[in-house]
């Protein structure tokens, strides 16, 4: 008899789980409250153009290669990618600029010209250590069910010997960067990788240096934006029989004798299933937003444990003064203050770091004439359920962000009709229970990676996927989480 799985949410984790379960012969139904797949991979309509308003960086190509291969397809036949020759352009308000590349020698030469030879040598050591950490953790942690600290330690010693001592989570990333870089601008640049998992470099483990290695393995631009990636995975799942139900909200997960056995939709319809995957922020479960039956399925997340939120502006603008590439970062001077303001004062500093994704530029070439589509992002506390962001507050933050861009050399010209803002309040509404966090819990402290919920919740029959679950946030990691949950379901059903 065919077994049935219900997946709540069509984000990256829900999509990959749908592919793997449908390929394995399960009847799969995916319920999504929005009108299309993608979750955080979405576009905002700005005038007559769509602008990616969520994730913009495509890495870890192998995750998607393997997912499509398991389903009998070739990823590169379904999604058109262009590899970025530059990882990113970086600018500071003092007028300095630095481009980084996949090639270590090319980046080292750029750093020597930007700073000095000592920092260039430090960069080479940083690359070596980052690669070691990545290689040890990829198969032992990222792509597997969540191990205990002791089991992970055993695996690392088994596979890496004494070299595994380089995986030193007791040291913060910010502190560790001082071992490689004396130039504070380079500490800023590489400290920023902590924000990829919604965290502060002052508190996150040094093992996150592996993110820099992931980017050096390849960064690609997706034709059609990240939204196109979501649709390609959904199409693959449907080819294997998965059914998607859009604008269909699940109000409750039902249990019988302590086991999850089905869901109740907002329409009142009740559906039964052999397994349920929740692909939303796990805090929605512990907060009771999916019913009392599953409140104890995962640990409660305190407000101070939440990862970063963001204020974003999707803008159709004319640009001048700075030659953008697809990925660009503009730094102010005091990076430490930015994170103490967010995580301790629960506010946004007056000189924020600004990320700019120039979505019509690939390898520096602008594909349109006139206006171009931009996503501007600054970090913010995940307090979307604690007081509203007023228009005046948002306008002030935009002014602060534009000032950082201007001092870094970039000028923007746009009308109010060509600018759409999204703040923590909006993220919280879109992802209930999150408070606006885009990453689940912050990765602060040496054991933070082990506090994320695993694929199997505390309620039998209920499984978790998405950035708030193991192995963590980001599109590739959330995609892995869905595959891990699908594998666990099949093991439990065997």
Protein backbone atom coordinates (compact mmCIF):
# COMPACT_ATOMS: atom_id res chain seq x y z
CA UNK A 1 0.00 0.00 0.00
CA UNK A 2 1.36 3.42 -0.99
CA UNK A 3 2.36 5.55 1.96
CA UNK A 4 1.41 9.20 2.11
CA UNK A 5 3.47 12.16 3.26
CA UNK A 6 2.17 15.66 3.83
CA UNK A 7 4.67 18.50 3.63
CA UNK A 8 3.76 21.82 5.22
CA UNK A 9 5.58 24.57 3.33
CA UNK A 10 7.23 24.69 -0.10
CA UNK A 11 10.53 26.27 0.88
CA UNK A 12 13.85 24.68 -0.08
CA UNK A 13 13.57 21.91 2.55
CA UNK A 14 10.00 21.03 1.65
CA UNK A 15 10.85 20.95 -2.05
CA UNK A 16 13.82 18.59 -1.71
CA UNK A 17 11.84 16.31 0.62
CA UNK A 18 9.03 16.21 -1.95
CA UNK A 19 11.48 15.17 -4.67
CA UNK A 20 13.11 12.42 -2.62
CA UNK A 21 9.87 10.97 -1.22
CA UNK A 22 8.01 11.10 -4.53
CA UNK A 23 10.96 9.45 -6.27
CA UNK A 24 10.84 6.72 -3.63
CA UNK A 25 7.19 6.03 -4.46
CA UNK A 26 5.41 7.93 -1.71
CA UNK A 27 2.24 9.87 -2.36
CA UNK A 28 3.27 13.43 -1.56
CA UNK A 29 1.07 16.46 -0.97
CA UNK A 30 2.69 19.84 -0.34
CA UNK A 31 0.59 22.61 1.21
CA UNK A 32 1.85 26.16 0.80
CA UNK A 33 0.14 29.32 2.03
CA UNK A 34 1.66 31.45 -0.72
CA UNK A 35 0.86 31.28 -4.41
CA UNK A 36 4.07 29.60 -5.58
CA UNK A 37 7.00 27.52 -4.29
CA UNK A 38 10.19 28.93 -2.81
CA UNK A 39 9.60 30.15 0.73
CA UNK A 40 12.30 32.77 1.24
CA UNK A 41 13.22 32.39 -2.45
CA UNK A 42 10.68 34.90 -3.68
CA UNK A 43 10.33 38.02 -5.79
CA UNK A 44 8.81 41.38 -4.95
CA UNK A 45 6.92 43.24 -7.63
CA UNK A 46 8.35 46.72 -8.07
CA UNK A 47 6.44 48.57 -10.75
CA UNK A 48 6.52 46.31 -13.78
CA UNK A 49 9.58 44.24 -12.75
CA UNK A 50 10.14 41.38 -10.32
CA UNK A 51 13.13 41.61 -7.98
CA UNK A 52 14.47 38.72 -5.88
CA UNK A 53 13.74 39.72 -2.29
CA UNK A 54 15.32 36.81 -0.43
CA UNK A 55 18.41 34.62 -0.94
CA UNK A 56 20.60 35.68 -3.86
CA UNK A 57 23.80 33.62 -3.47
CA UNK A 58 23.90 30.21 -5.17
CA UNK A 59 26.64 27.89 -3.85
CA UNK A 60 27.17 24.19 -3.07
CA UNK A 61 26.25 23.11 -6.60
CA UNK A 62 26.78 19.47 -5.56
CA UNK A 63 23.72 19.52 -3.29
CA UNK A 64 21.44 20.16 -6.26
CA UNK A 65 23.37 17.89 -8.61
CA UNK A 66 22.82 14.98 -6.24
CA UNK A 67 19.15 15.82 -5.59
CA UNK A 68 18.32 15.88 -9.30
CA UNK A 69 20.45 12.79 -9.98
CA UNK A 70 18.50 10.78 -7.39
CA UNK A 71 15.36 11.74 -9.31
CA UNK A 72 16.82 10.69 -12.66
CA UNK A 73 17.45 14.22 -13.94
CA UNK A 74 20.42 16.49 -14.65
CA UNK A 75 20.37 19.73 -12.71
CA UNK A 76 22.25 21.77 -15.31
CA UNK A 77 19.67 20.77 -17.92
CA UNK A 78 16.91 22.31 -15.82
CA UNK A 79 18.51 25.43 -14.31
CA UNK A 80 20.69 27.81 -16.29
CA UNK A 81 23.67 29.07 -14.32
CA UNK A 82 26.50 31.47 -15.02
CA UNK A 83 29.54 31.23 -12.79
CA UNK A 84 30.64 34.52 -11.25
CA UNK A 85 34.27 35.28 -11.98
CA UNK A 86 34.32 37.62 -8.97
CA UNK A 87 32.98 36.37 -5.65
CA UNK A 88 32.05 39.91 -4.66
CA UNK A 89 33.12 43.53 -4.75
CA UNK A 90 33.79 45.16 -1.37
CA UNK A 91 33.93 48.86 -0.58
CA UNK A 92 34.55 50.93 2.57
CA UNK A 93 33.49 54.42 3.50
CA UNK A 94 37.17 55.46 3.51
CA UNK A 95 37.17 54.97 -0.26
CA UNK A 96 39.08 51.65 -0.36
CA UNK A 97 37.91 48.74 -2.54
CA UNK A 98 38.71 45.03 -2.77
CA UNK A 99 37.53 42.39 -5.23
CA UNK A 100 37.83 38.72 -4.32
CA UNK A 101 37.93 35.75 -6.69
CA UNK A 102 37.67 31.96 -6.74
CA UNK A 103 41.38 31.72 -7.51
CA UNK A 104 43.45 31.91 -4.32
CA UNK A 105 46.49 33.43 -6.06
CA UNK A 106 44.37 36.12 -7.70
CA UNK A 107 42.74 37.02 -4.39
CA UNK A 108 46.06 36.92 -2.52
CA UNK A 109 47.57 39.36 -5.02
CA UNK A 110 44.53 41.62 -4.66
CA UNK A 111 44.86 41.55 -0.86
CA UNK A 112 48.59 42.33 -1.05
CA UNK A 113 47.82 45.40 -3.17
CA UNK A 114 44.89 46.37 -0.93
CA UNK A 115 46.73 45.83 2.38
CA UNK A 116 50.17 44.20 2.55
CA UNK A 117 52.00 40.94 1.96
CA UNK A 118 51.55 39.80 5.58
CA UNK A 119 47.79 39.87 5.21
CA UNK A 120 48.05 38.13 1.85
CA UNK A 121 49.96 35.29 3.53
CA UNK A 122 47.39 35.26 6.32
CA UNK A 123 44.70 34.87 3.66
CA UNK A 124 46.47 31.79 2.27
CA UNK A 125 46.60 30.22 5.73
CA UNK A 126 42.94 31.10 6.24
CA UNK A 127 42.09 29.31 2.98
CA UNK A 128 44.02 26.19 4.00
CA UNK A 129 42.31 26.00 7.39
CA UNK A 130 38.89 26.75 5.94
CA UNK A 131 39.25 23.94 3.42
CA UNK A 132 40.28 21.52 6.17
CA UNK A 133 37.28 22.45 8.32
CA UNK A 134 34.92 22.14 5.36
CA UNK A 135 36.23 18.75 4.28
CA UNK A 136 35.94 17.38 7.80
CA UNK A 137 32.41 18.68 8.39
CA UNK A 138 30.80 18.16 4.99
CA UNK A 139 30.14 14.43 5.26
CA UNK A 140 30.44 14.16 9.04
CA UNK A 141 27.93 16.87 9.89
CA UNK A 142 26.30 18.83 7.07
CA UNK A 143 25.04 15.99 4.89
CA UNK A 144 24.05 13.56 7.65
CA UNK A 145 21.55 13.31 10.47
CA UNK A 146 22.58 15.45 13.41
CA UNK A 147 25.27 13.67 15.47
CA UNK A 148 25.94 14.26 19.16
CA UNK A 149 29.07 16.26 20.05
CA UNK A 150 30.81 13.07 21.16
CA UNK A 151 29.91 11.19 17.99
CA UNK A 152 31.02 14.10 15.83
CA UNK A 153 34.29 14.32 17.75
CA UNK A 154 34.88 10.61 17.14
CA UNK A 155 34.18 10.96 13.42
CA UNK A 156 36.51 13.95 13.10
CA UNK A 157 39.37 12.18 14.87
CA UNK A 158 38.73 9.07 12.78
CA UNK A 159 38.80 10.94 9.48
CA UNK A 160 41.13 13.83 10.24
CA UNK A 161 43.46 12.61 12.95
CA UNK A 162 45.31 15.42 14.71
CA UNK A 163 44.34 17.78 11.88
CA UNK A 164 40.80 17.67 13.23
CA UNK A 165 41.97 19.85 16.12
CA UNK A 166 41.66 22.71 13.61
CA UNK A 167 37.90 22.40 14.15
CA UNK A 168 37.99 24.57 17.26
CA UNK A 169 34.47 25.82 18.03
CA UNK A 170 35.51 27.14 21.46
CA UNK A 171 37.04 30.17 19.71
CA UNK A 172 34.84 32.85 18.14
CA UNK A 173 35.20 33.61 14.45
CA UNK A 174 36.09 37.22 15.27
CA UNK A 175 38.88 36.14 17.61
CA UNK A 176 40.18 33.52 15.18
CA UNK A 177 40.34 36.03 12.31
CA UNK A 178 42.94 37.95 14.31
CA UNK A 179 45.27 35.00 13.77
CA UNK A 180 45.17 35.59 10.01
CA UNK A 181 44.55 39.30 9.45
CA UNK A 182 46.01 42.39 11.07
CA UNK A 183 44.04 44.68 8.75
CA UNK A 184 40.68 45.45 10.44
CA UNK A 185 38.98 45.75 7.05
CA UNK A 186 39.81 42.12 6.28
CA UNK A 187 38.47 41.05 9.67
CA UNK A 188 35.25 42.82 8.72
CA UNK A 189 35.10 41.14 5.34
CA UNK A 190 35.57 37.62 6.63
CA UNK A 191 33.62 38.23 9.82
CA UNK A 192 30.61 38.94 7.63
CA UNK A 193 30.32 35.23 6.81
CA UNK A 194 28.74 34.78 10.25
CA UNK A 195 25.73 36.68 8.94
CA UNK A 196 25.17 33.91 6.37
CA UNK A 197 23.80 31.89 9.30
CA UNK A 198 22.14 34.87 10.98
CA UNK A 199 24.79 35.36 13.61
CA UNK A 200 27.36 37.76 15.02
CA UNK A 201 31.04 37.08 14.25
CA UNK A 202 31.73 38.12 17.85
CA UNK A 203 29.87 35.04 19.14
CA UNK A 204 29.74 32.43 16.40
CA UNK A 205 32.27 29.55 16.35
CA UNK A 206 35.41 29.85 14.26
CA UNK A 207 34.36 26.78 12.25
CA UNK A 208 32.25 29.13 10.12
CA UNK A 209 35.42 29.99 8.23
CA UNK A 210 34.32 27.04 6.09
CA UNK A 211 31.74 29.33 4.40
CA UNK A 212 34.56 31.21 2.69
CA UNK A 213 35.79 27.91 1.29
CA UNK A 214 32.29 27.06 0.06
CA UNK A 215 32.22 30.32 -1.91
CA UNK A 216 35.66 29.67 -3.38
CA UNK A 217 34.29 26.38 -4.74
CA UNK A 218 31.91 28.39 -6.87
CA UNK A 219 29.28 31.13 -6.83
CA UNK A 220 26.74 31.17 -9.64
CA UNK A 221 24.04 33.52 -10.91
CA UNK A 222 20.73 31.80 -11.63
CA UNK A 223 18.99 32.82 -14.81
CA UNK A 224 15.56 34.02 -13.73
CA UNK A 225 16.73 34.50 -10.14
CA UNK A 226 16.51 32.14 -7.18
CA UNK A 227 12.75 31.94 -7.76
CA UNK A 228 13.57 29.95 -10.92
CA UNK A 229 15.52 27.44 -8.81
CA UNK A 230 12.48 26.86 -6.60
CA UNK A 231 10.21 26.29 -9.58
CA UNK A 232 12.68 23.84 -11.14
CA UNK A 233 12.75 21.69 -7.99
CA UNK A 234 8.95 21.83 -7.68
CA UNK A 235 8.59 20.77 -11.32
CA UNK A 236 10.88 17.81 -10.70
CA UNK A 237 8.82 16.72 -7.71
CA UNK A 238 5.61 16.97 -9.76
CA UNK A 239 7.12 14.83 -12.51
CA UNK A 240 7.34 12.07 -9.91
CA UNK A 241 3.76 12.54 -8.78
CA UNK A 242 3.99 15.09 -5.95
CA UNK A 243 1.00 17.43 -5.77
CA UNK A 244 1.31 21.07 -4.73
CA UNK A 245 -1.56 22.97 -3.14
CA UNK A 246 -0.90 26.71 -3.18
CA UNK A 247 -2.71 29.34 -1.15
CA UNK A 248 -3.60 26.46 1.12
CA UNK A 249 -2.70 27.06 4.75
CA UNK A 250 -2.31 24.27 7.31
CA UNK A 251 -3.87 25.41 10.59
CA UNK A 252 -3.22 22.34 12.72
CA UNK A 253 -1.15 19.20 12.85
CA UNK A 254 -3.22 16.40 14.36
CA UNK A 255 -1.99 13.60 16.58
CA UNK A 256 -3.48 10.27 17.62
CA UNK A 257 -2.03 8.50 20.64
CA UNK A 258 0.97 10.82 20.61
CA UNK A 259 1.74 10.33 16.92
CA UNK A 260 1.25 12.88 14.12
CA UNK A 261 -1.40 11.45 11.83
CA UNK A 262 -2.65 14.31 9.68
CA UNK A 263 -3.40 17.97 9.23
CA UNK A 264 -6.37 20.31 9.28
CA UNK A 265 -6.42 23.02 6.63
CA UNK A 266 -7.70 26.57 7.03
CA UNK A 267 -10.74 25.46 4.99
CA UNK A 268 -11.58 22.96 7.73
CA UNK A 269 -10.68 19.91 5.64
CA UNK A 270 -8.79 17.19 7.51
CA UNK A 271 -6.28 14.93 5.76
CA UNK A 272 -4.49 11.84 7.04
CA UNK A 273 -0.85 10.92 6.43
CA UNK A 274 1.76 8.37 7.44
CA UNK A 275 4.38 11.10 7.90
CA UNK A 276 4.33 14.87 8.10
CA UNK A 277 7.21 17.25 7.38
CA UNK A 278 6.99 20.75 8.76
CA UNK A 279 9.02 23.08 6.54
CA UNK A 280 8.59 26.29 8.50
CA UNK A 281 10.31 27.94 11.43
CA UNK A 282 10.31 25.33 14.19
CA UNK A 283 9.33 28.04 16.71
CA UNK A 284 5.86 28.04 15.15
CA UNK A 285 5.39 24.54 16.56
CA UNK A 286 6.57 25.29 20.10
CA UNK A 287 4.54 28.53 20.08
CA UNK A 288 1.37 26.54 19.46
CA UNK A 289 0.66 27.98 16.01
CA UNK A 290 0.07 24.49 14.60
CA UNK A 291 -2.09 23.28 17.49
CA UNK A 292 -1.60 21.96 20.99
CA UNK A 293 -0.82 18.41 19.86
CA UNK A 294 2.66 19.37 18.62
CA UNK A 295 3.69 22.12 21.06
CA UNK A 296 6.26 19.83 22.66
CA UNK A 297 7.65 18.57 19.34
CA UNK A 298 10.64 20.91 19.58
CA UNK A 299 12.31 23.14 22.15
CA UNK A 300 11.11 26.68 22.73
CA UNK A 301 13.33 29.40 21.27
CA UNK A 302 13.86 32.48 23.38
CA UNK A 303 13.81 35.91 21.79
CA UNK A 304 17.51 36.48 22.48
CA UNK A 305 18.33 33.18 20.74
CA UNK A 306 16.90 34.24 17.40
CA UNK A 307 19.14 34.75 14.40
CA UNK A 308 19.28 37.94 12.41
CA UNK A 309 16.39 39.53 10.63
CA UNK A 310 16.85 42.12 7.89
CA UNK A 311 15.51 45.28 6.38
CA UNK A 312 15.53 45.05 2.60
CA UNK A 313 14.71 47.40 -0.22
CA UNK A 314 13.91 46.10 -3.69
CA UNK A 315 14.71 49.05 -5.92
CA UNK A 316 14.59 49.73 -9.64
CA UNK A 317 17.22 52.47 -9.89
CA UNK A 318 19.78 54.29 -11.97
CA UNK A 319 23.29 53.80 -10.58
CA UNK A 320 26.49 55.82 -10.90
CA UNK A 321 29.91 56.27 -9.35
CA UNK A 322 30.70 52.59 -8.61
CA UNK A 323 30.84 49.71 -11.08
CA UNK A 324 28.70 47.07 -9.44
CA UNK A 325 28.97 43.32 -9.94
CA UNK A 326 26.24 40.83 -9.01
CA UNK A 327 27.33 40.72 -5.32
CA UNK A 328 28.59 43.84 -3.54
CA UNK A 329 29.20 44.74 0.12
CA UNK A 330 29.65 48.26 1.50
CA UNK A 331 31.24 48.48 4.97
CA UNK A 332 31.25 51.31 7.49
CA UNK A 333 34.02 51.58 10.07
CA UNK A 334 32.84 49.98 13.34
CA UNK A 335 31.75 46.41 12.65
CA UNK A 336 31.67 45.31 16.29
CA UNK A 337 29.21 48.09 17.13
CA UNK A 338 26.84 46.85 14.42
CA UNK A 339 26.39 43.49 16.17
CA UNK A 340 26.33 44.70 19.76
CA UNK A 341 23.61 47.16 18.67
CA UNK A 342 21.56 44.35 17.11
CA UNK A 343 21.98 41.58 19.66
CA UNK A 344 22.30 43.61 22.87
CA UNK A 345 20.46 46.88 22.21
CA UNK A 346 17.94 45.23 19.86
CA UNK A 347 18.30 48.05 17.35
CA UNK A 348 20.06 48.92 14.09
CA UNK A 349 23.19 51.07 14.12
CA UNK A 350 23.39 54.34 12.18
CA UNK A 351 26.20 53.05 9.94
CA UNK A 352 25.09 49.59 8.83
CA UNK A 353 26.90 47.26 6.46
CA UNK A 354 24.91 47.24 3.22
CA UNK A 355 24.72 44.26 0.86
CA UNK A 356 23.73 45.09 -2.71
CA UNK A 357 22.69 42.43 -5.21
CA UNK A 358 22.71 43.96 -8.70
CA UNK A 359 20.43 41.42 -10.34
CA UNK A 360 20.92 42.61 -13.92
CA UNK A 361 24.71 42.33 -13.71
CA UNK A 362 26.65 39.12 -14.31
CA UNK A 363 30.44 39.35 -14.24
CA UNK A 364 30.14 43.12 -14.22
CA UNK A 365 28.14 43.35 -17.43
CA UNK A 366 24.79 45.15 -17.22
CA UNK A 367 22.15 43.33 -19.28
CA UNK A 368 19.68 46.24 -19.39
CA UNK A 369 19.74 49.91 -20.26
CA UNK A 370 18.75 52.61 -17.83
CA UNK A 371 17.34 51.37 -14.54
CA UNK A 372 18.58 48.16 -12.94
CA UNK A 373 17.10 45.85 -10.34
CA UNK A 374 18.77 46.02 -6.93
CA UNK A 375 18.27 44.33 -3.59
CA UNK A 376 19.67 46.32 -0.66
CA UNK A 377 19.92 44.54 2.71
CA UNK A 378 20.99 45.56 6.19
CA UNK A 379 20.95 43.36 9.30
CA UNK A 380 18.32 43.91 11.99
CA UNK A 381 17.17 42.24 15.23
CA UNK A 382 14.46 39.59 14.90
CA UNK A 383 11.87 41.49 16.91
CA UNK A 384 9.10 41.55 14.34
CA UNK A 385 6.62 40.52 17.02
CA UNK A 386 7.70 43.27 19.46
CA UNK A 387 6.56 46.65 18.17
CA UNK A 388 6.04 47.82 14.62
CA UNK A 389 8.52 49.45 12.27
CA UNK A 390 6.99 52.80 11.38
CA UNK A 391 7.40 54.46 8.00
CA UNK A 392 9.56 57.17 9.53
CA UNK A 393 11.90 54.59 11.12
CA UNK A 394 12.22 52.73 7.83
CA UNK A 395 12.88 55.97 5.96
CA UNK A 396 15.66 56.84 8.42
CA UNK A 397 17.27 53.42 8.02
CA UNK A 398 17.12 53.79 4.24
CA UNK A 399 18.79 57.19 4.53
CA UNK A 400 21.54 55.65 6.70
CA UNK A 401 22.07 52.80 4.22
CA UNK A 402 22.19 55.13 1.22
CA UNK A 403 24.71 57.30 3.07
CA UNK A 404 27.03 54.30 3.53
CA UNK A 405 26.67 53.49 -0.17
CA UNK A 406 27.38 57.08 -1.16
CA UNK A 407 30.51 57.26 0.99
CA UNK A 408 31.61 53.98 -0.60
CA UNK A 409 31.21 55.53 -4.04
CA UNK A 410 27.74 54.35 -5.17
CA UNK A 411 24.94 56.77 -6.01
CA UNK A 412 21.35 55.65 -6.59
CA UNK A 413 18.54 57.58 -8.24
CA UNK A 414 14.99 56.22 -7.94
CA UNK A 415 11.42 57.22 -7.24
CA UNK A 416 9.34 56.10 -4.27
CA UNK A 417 7.24 54.02 -6.66
CA UNK A 418 10.38 52.10 -7.59
CA UNK A 419 11.26 51.09 -4.01
CA UNK A 420 9.58 48.37 -1.91
CA UNK A 421 10.74 47.85 1.70
CA UNK A 422 10.50 44.71 3.83
CA UNK A 423 11.18 44.84 7.58
CA UNK A 424 11.23 42.32 10.50
CA UNK A 425 7.47 42.81 11.00
CA UNK A 426 6.85 41.66 7.43
CA UNK A 427 9.19 38.67 7.75
CA UNK A 428 7.41 37.61 10.94
CA UNK A 429 4.05 37.76 9.17
CA UNK A 430 5.40 35.75 6.25
CA UNK A 431 7.12 33.16 8.48
CA UNK A 432 4.99 32.80 11.64
CA UNK A 433 6.77 32.14 14.90
CA UNK A 434 10.08 33.49 13.59
CA UNK A 435 9.94 37.01 15.03
CA UNK A 436 11.33 37.92 11.63
CA UNK A 437 14.44 35.76 11.93
CA UNK A 438 15.53 34.52 8.53
CA UNK A 439 17.81 31.84 9.98
CA UNK A 440 16.08 30.19 12.91
CA UNK A 441 18.31 30.35 15.97
CA UNK A 442 21.61 32.25 15.99
CA UNK A 443 24.73 30.08 15.89
CA UNK A 444 26.25 31.53 19.05
CA UNK A 445 28.49 29.41 21.26
CA UNK A 446 30.48 26.27 20.64
CA UNK A 447 27.50 23.91 20.96
CA UNK A 448 25.02 26.01 18.96
CA UNK A 449 25.06 23.63 16.00
CA UNK A 450 23.79 20.85 18.25
CA UNK A 451 20.85 22.83 19.61
CA UNK A 452 19.08 23.05 16.27
CA UNK A 453 16.23 20.55 16.00
CA UNK A 454 17.07 17.37 14.12
CA UNK A 455 14.99 15.97 11.27
CA UNK A 456 12.96 13.80 13.66
CA UNK A 457 10.92 15.89 16.09
CA UNK A 458 9.94 14.81 19.59
CA UNK A 459 6.53 13.74 18.22
CA UNK A 460 6.55 10.49 16.28
CA UNK A 461 5.53 10.87 12.67
CA UNK A 462 6.44 14.58 12.59
CA UNK A 463 9.67 15.60 10.89
CA UNK A 464 11.38 18.95 10.43
CA UNK A 465 13.02 20.62 7.44
CA UNK A 466 14.17 24.13 6.63
CA UNK A 467 16.76 26.59 7.85
CA UNK A 468 15.73 26.37 11.50
CA UNK A 469 16.49 22.61 11.56
CA UNK A 470 19.73 20.66 11.12
CA UNK A 471 22.06 21.30 9.32
CA UNK A 472 21.13 25.00 9.34
CA UNK A 473 20.13 28.03 7.26
CA UNK A 474 20.86 28.97 3.68
CA UNK A 475 19.31 27.49 0.53
CA UNK A 476 21.80 24.60 0.12
CA UNK A 477 21.66 23.64 3.79
CA UNK A 478 17.87 23.86 3.91
CA UNK A 479 17.78 21.69 0.78
CA UNK A 480 19.95 19.13 2.56
CA UNK A 481 17.60 19.25 5.56
CA UNK A 482 14.68 18.14 3.39
CA UNK A 483 16.62 15.23 1.97
CA UNK A 484 17.77 14.20 5.46
CA UNK A 485 14.14 14.28 6.67
CA UNK A 486 13.00 12.21 3.67
CA UNK A 487 15.70 9.65 4.37
CA UNK A 488 14.74 9.44 8.03
CA UNK A 489 11.07 8.93 7.12
CA UNK A 490 11.93 6.02 4.84
CA UNK A 491 14.16 4.47 7.49
CA UNK A 492 11.41 4.74 10.11
CA UNK A 493 8.83 3.29 7.72
CA UNK A 494 10.98 0.31 6.73
